[in-house]
N, C-alpha and C. Protein backbone atom coordinates (compact mmCIF):
# COMPACT_ATOMS: atom_id res chain seq x y z
N UNK A 1 0.89 -0.96 -0.04
CA UNK A 1 0.05 -0.02 0.07
C UNK A 1 0.94 1.27 0.16
N UNK A 2 0.36 2.08 -0.58
CA UNK A 2 1.26 3.68 -0.87
C UNK A 2 0.67 4.41 0.34
N UNK A 3 1.58 5.18 1.05
CA UNK A 3 1.22 6.07 1.86
C UNK A 3 0.13 7.14 0.67
N UNK A 4 -0.83 7.43 1.76
CA UNK A 4 -2.35 8.53 1.04
C UNK A 4 -3.05 7.64 -0.01
N UNK A 5 -2.71 6.13 0.05
CA UNK A 5 -3.45 5.63 -0.65
C UNK A 5 -4.91 4.67 0.07
N UNK A 6 -6.07 4.94 -0.09
CA UNK A 6 -6.67 4.04 0.99
C UNK A 6 -6.61 2.52 0.34
N UNK A 7 -7.29 1.99 1.69
CA UNK A 7 -7.52 0.15 0.76
C UNK A 7 -8.54 0.51 -0.56
N UNK A 8 -8.33 -0.36 -1.16
CA UNK A 8 -9.45 0.18 -2.74
C UNK A 8 -9.70 -0.98 -2.89
N UNK A 9 -9.57 -2.21 -2.79
CA UNK A 9 -10.29 -3.67 -3.16
C UNK A 9 -12.04 -3.10 -3.16
N UNK A 10 -12.49 -2.40 -1.96
CA UNK A 10 -13.83 -2.24 -2.27
C UNK A 10 -14.43 -1.18 -3.10
N UNK A 11 -13.71 -0.51 -3.43
CA UNK A 11 -13.82 1.02 -4.30
C UNK A 11 -13.41 0.60 -5.82
N UNK A 12 -13.62 -0.40 -6.38
CA UNK A 12 -13.06 -0.08 -7.73
C UNK A 12 -14.52 -0.81 -8.62
N UNK A 13 -14.78 0.15 -9.16
CA UNK A 13 -15.96 0.57 -9.72
C UNK A 13 -16.12 -0.08 -11.40
N UNK A 14 -17.01 -0.82 -11.31
CA UNK A 14 -17.29 -2.28 -12.21
C UNK A 14 -17.06 -1.76 -13.73
N UNK A 15 -17.85 -0.83 -13.97
CA UNK A 15 -18.03 -0.43 -15.25
C UNK A 15 -16.67 0.61 -15.57
N UNK A 16 -16.10 1.14 -14.59
CA UNK A 16 -14.81 2.09 -15.03
C UNK A 16 -13.61 0.91 -14.93
N UNK A 17 -13.48 -0.30 -14.99
CA UNK A 17 -12.62 -1.37 -14.59
C UNK A 17 -12.75 -1.86 -15.80
N UNK A 18 -13.91 -2.38 -16.55
CA UNK A 18 -13.94 -2.63 -17.59
C UNK A 18 -13.23 -1.53 -18.91
N UNK A 19 -13.46 0.02 -18.54
CA UNK A 19 -12.87 1.12 -19.63
C UNK A 19 -11.42 0.67 -19.77
N UNK A 20 -10.95 0.71 -18.10
CA UNK A 20 -9.38 0.59 -18.16
C UNK A 20 -8.40 -0.59 -18.48
N UNK A 21 -9.78 -1.81 -18.53
CA UNK A 21 -9.06 -3.20 -19.14
C UNK A 21 -9.17 -3.03 -20.91
N UNK A 22 -10.29 -2.20 -21.06
CA UNK A 22 -10.11 -2.23 -22.90
C UNK A 22 -9.01 -1.01 -23.45
N UNK A 23 -8.59 -0.24 -22.42
CA UNK A 23 -7.47 0.98 -22.82
C UNK A 23 -6.64 0.03 -22.67
N UNK A 24 -6.19 -0.87 -21.80
CA UNK A 24 -5.07 -1.93 -21.79
C UNK A 24 -5.13 -2.89 -22.97
N UNK A 25 -5.63 -2.68 -23.59
CA UNK A 25 -5.68 -4.08 -24.35
C UNK A 25 -6.23 -5.15 -24.66
N UNK A 26 -7.08 -5.47 -23.08
CA UNK A 26 -7.22 -7.06 -22.99
C UNK A 26 -8.26 -7.74 -24.19
N UNK A 27 -7.84 -8.89 -24.30
CA UNK A 27 -8.32 -9.46 -25.41
C UNK A 27 -9.85 -9.30 -25.02
N UNK A 28 -11.01 -9.14 -26.81
CA UNK A 28 -12.20 -9.34 -26.50
C UNK A 28 -12.47 -10.81 -25.47
N UNK A 29 -12.62 -11.70 -25.47
CA UNK A 29 -12.75 -12.74 -25.02
C UNK A 29 -12.87 -12.81 -23.68
N UNK A 30 -11.39 -12.16 -23.24
CA UNK A 30 -11.15 -11.90 -22.03
C UNK A 30 -11.63 -10.99 -20.76
N UNK A 31 -12.26 -9.83 -22.13
CA UNK A 31 -13.05 -9.01 -21.52
C UNK A 31 -14.50 -8.93 -21.17
N UNK A 32 -14.89 -9.86 -22.60
CA UNK A 32 -16.21 -9.85 -22.04
C UNK A 32 -16.40 -11.15 -20.87
N UNK A 33 -15.59 -12.16 -21.11
CA UNK A 33 -15.93 -13.12 -19.44
C UNK A 33 -15.55 -12.33 -18.23
N UNK A 34 -14.67 -11.13 -18.02
CA UNK A 34 -14.36 -10.41 -17.03
C UNK A 34 -15.69 -9.28 -16.45
N UNK A 35 -16.47 -8.77 -17.38
CA UNK A 35 -17.72 -8.38 -17.46
C UNK A 35 -18.62 -9.37 -16.94
N UNK A 36 -18.93 -10.02 -17.42
CA UNK A 36 -19.79 -10.83 -16.97
C UNK A 36 -19.75 -11.56 -15.90
N UNK A 37 -18.45 -11.55 -15.32
CA UNK A 37 -17.53 -12.11 -13.52
C UNK A 37 -18.91 -11.10 -12.77
N UNK A 38 -18.39 -9.40 -13.17
CA UNK A 38 -19.29 -8.67 -12.08
C UNK A 38 -20.36 -8.14 -12.84
N UNK A 39 -20.82 -8.71 -13.55
CA UNK A 39 -22.49 -8.27 -13.77
C UNK A 39 -23.51 -8.47 -13.19
N UNK A 40 -24.32 -7.85 -12.49
CA UNK A 40 -25.68 -8.14 -11.47
C UNK A 40 -24.86 -8.58 -10.11
N UNK A 41 -24.43 -8.05 -9.66
CA UNK A 41 -23.73 -9.03 -8.46
C UNK A 41 -24.58 -8.14 -7.45
N UNK A 42 -25.49 -9.13 -6.53
CA UNK A 42 -26.06 -8.67 -5.41
C UNK A 42 -25.09 -9.13 -3.98
N UNK A 43 -25.68 -8.57 -3.27
CA UNK A 43 -24.92 -8.75 -1.84
C UNK A 43 -25.97 -8.87 -0.57
N UNK A 44 -25.77 -9.43 0.31
CA UNK A 44 -26.82 -9.10 1.35
C UNK A 44 -26.33 -9.45 2.64
N UNK A 45 -26.59 -8.77 3.95
CA UNK A 45 -26.25 -8.82 5.17
C UNK A 45 -26.49 -9.52 6.28
N UNK A 46 -25.76 -10.66 6.79
CA UNK A 46 -26.64 -11.34 7.73
C UNK A 46 -25.94 -10.80 9.22
N UNK A 47 -26.83 -10.91 9.95
CA UNK A 47 -26.19 -10.35 11.44
C UNK A 47 -26.95 -10.60 12.55
N UNK A 48 -26.52 -11.32 13.28
CA UNK A 48 -26.97 -12.31 14.38
C UNK A 48 -28.40 -12.97 13.68
N UNK A 49 -28.36 -13.75 12.68
CA UNK A 49 -29.40 -14.26 12.73
C UNK A 49 -30.16 -13.96 11.77
N UNK A 50 -30.24 -12.77 11.38
CA UNK A 50 -31.17 -11.78 10.88
C UNK A 50 -30.35 -11.74 8.99
N UNK A 51 -30.98 -11.80 8.24
CA UNK A 51 -30.69 -11.64 6.53
C UNK A 51 -31.72 -10.51 6.58
N UNK A 52 -30.86 -9.44 6.30
CA UNK A 52 -31.29 -8.13 5.19
C UNK A 52 -31.65 -8.42 4.15
N UNK A 53 -32.55 -7.49 3.09
CA UNK A 53 -32.96 -7.20 1.78
C UNK A 53 -31.34 -7.08 1.12
N UNK A 54 -31.42 -7.95 -0.20
CA UNK A 54 -29.97 -8.21 -1.21
C UNK A 54 -30.16 -6.84 -1.77
N UNK A 55 -28.71 -6.24 -2.29
CA UNK A 55 -28.82 -4.78 -2.57
C UNK A 55 -27.78 -4.85 -3.96
N UNK A 56 -27.96 -4.11 -5.24
CA UNK A 56 -27.20 -4.59 -5.70
C UNK A 56 -25.57 -3.78 -5.65
N UNK A 57 -24.50 -4.38 -6.23
CA UNK A 57 -23.30 -3.92 -6.08
C UNK A 57 -22.59 -3.69 -6.89
N UNK A 58 -21.94 -2.22 -7.11
CA UNK A 58 -21.88 -1.57 -8.05
C UNK A 58 -19.84 -1.38 -8.54
N UNK A 59 -19.14 -1.82 -7.54
CA UNK A 59 -18.24 -1.35 -7.37
C UNK A 59 -17.56 -2.53 -6.04
N UNK A 60 -16.16 -2.43 -5.93
CA UNK A 60 -15.39 -3.99 -5.66
C UNK A 60 -15.43 -4.98 -6.11
N UNK A 61 -14.08 -5.59 -5.54
CA UNK A 61 -13.23 -7.22 -6.13
C UNK A 61 -14.14 -7.92 -5.31
N UNK A 62 -14.13 -9.12 -5.79
CA UNK A 62 -14.68 -10.50 -5.44
C UNK A 62 -13.87 -10.67 -3.89
N UNK A 63 -14.14 -10.95 -2.98
CA UNK A 63 -13.00 -10.93 -1.76
C UNK A 63 -12.46 -12.22 -1.57
N UNK A 64 -11.38 -12.53 -2.02
CA UNK A 64 -10.75 -13.88 -1.74
C UNK A 64 -10.54 -14.08 -3.25
N UNK A 65 -10.98 -13.36 -4.32
CA UNK A 65 -10.73 -13.79 -5.43
C UNK A 65 -9.54 -13.72 -6.39
N UNK A 66 -9.26 -14.63 -7.36
CA UNK A 66 -7.56 -14.74 -7.54
C UNK A 66 -7.58 -13.65 -8.39
N UNK A 67 -8.30 -13.41 -9.09
CA UNK A 67 -8.15 -12.03 -10.01
C UNK A 67 -8.40 -10.93 -9.90
N UNK A 68 -8.93 -10.86 -8.19
CA UNK A 68 -8.85 -9.10 -7.36
C UNK A 68 -7.86 -8.65 -7.77
N UNK A 69 -6.61 -9.00 -7.41
CA UNK A 69 -5.39 -8.14 -7.32
C UNK A 69 -4.94 -7.31 -8.59
N UNK A 70 -5.11 -8.45 -9.46
CA UNK A 70 -4.78 -7.69 -10.59
C UNK A 70 -5.83 -7.13 -11.46
N UNK A 71 -7.14 -7.15 -11.22
CA UNK A 71 -8.24 -6.08 -11.88
C UNK A 71 -8.11 -5.03 -10.92
N UNK A 72 -7.12 -5.25 -9.13
CA UNK A 72 -7.20 -3.81 -8.43
C UNK A 72 -6.37 -2.70 -9.16
N UNK A 73 -5.36 -3.48 -9.48
CA UNK A 73 -4.19 -2.76 -9.68
C UNK A 73 -4.61 -1.96 -11.36
N UNK A 74 -4.89 -2.94 -11.89
CA UNK A 74 -5.09 -2.33 -13.58
C UNK A 74 -6.12 -0.80 -13.39
N UNK A 75 -7.42 -0.91 -12.39
CA UNK A 75 -7.82 -0.03 -12.16
C UNK A 75 -7.15 1.30 -11.99
N UNK A 76 -6.29 1.44 -10.12
CA UNK A 76 -5.60 2.16 -9.73
C UNK A 76 -4.21 2.48 -10.08
N UNK A 77 -4.12 1.95 -11.51
CA UNK A 77 -2.82 1.94 -11.38
C UNK A 77 -2.12 3.55 -12.27
N UNK A 78 -3.11 4.47 -12.71
CA UNK A 78 -3.02 5.46 -12.82
C UNK A 78 -3.03 6.34 -11.82
N UNK A 79 -3.60 5.71 -10.76
CA UNK A 79 -3.46 6.93 -9.45
C UNK A 79 -2.18 6.31 -8.30
N UNK A 80 -1.78 5.17 -9.10
CA UNK A 80 -0.37 4.98 -8.09
C UNK A 80 0.47 5.50 -9.03
N UNK A 81 0.43 5.85 -10.38
CA UNK A 81 1.67 6.56 -11.29
C UNK A 81 1.45 7.60 -10.45
N UNK A 82 0.53 8.25 -10.61
CA UNK A 82 0.66 10.02 -10.22
C UNK A 82 1.14 10.11 -9.08
N UNK A 83 0.70 9.19 -8.21
CA UNK A 83 1.03 9.22 -6.73
C UNK A 83 2.63 9.14 -6.43
N UNK A 84 3.04 8.36 -6.90
CA UNK A 84 4.46 8.31 -7.37
C UNK A 84 5.39 9.37 -7.98
N UNK A 85 4.68 9.94 -8.63
CA UNK A 85 5.22 11.03 -9.32
C UNK A 85 5.66 12.27 -9.06
N UNK A 86 4.51 12.29 -7.76
CA UNK A 86 4.24 13.19 -6.57
C UNK A 86 4.82 13.23 -5.59
N UNK A 87 5.26 12.28 -5.07
CA UNK A 87 5.71 12.03 -3.79
C UNK A 87 7.13 12.65 -3.69
């Protein structure tokens, strides 16, 4: 983690990530598979045996997902480069 950058895995915007992957030249089939992996994700909260109504999730990477670190870095790469230049 770089100083001044917050933990980022929960902040990755799904559509923005696809745009970044397109800019990076990701193969079309990989791009479509990645987009599908994050399409229409819903979450719900379970607390003390109660389950709240599901809600749509439009940001973040899958916790523990093997692709999550790479997707996170791809999305935040420009911010990291900019931060390094100005530190």
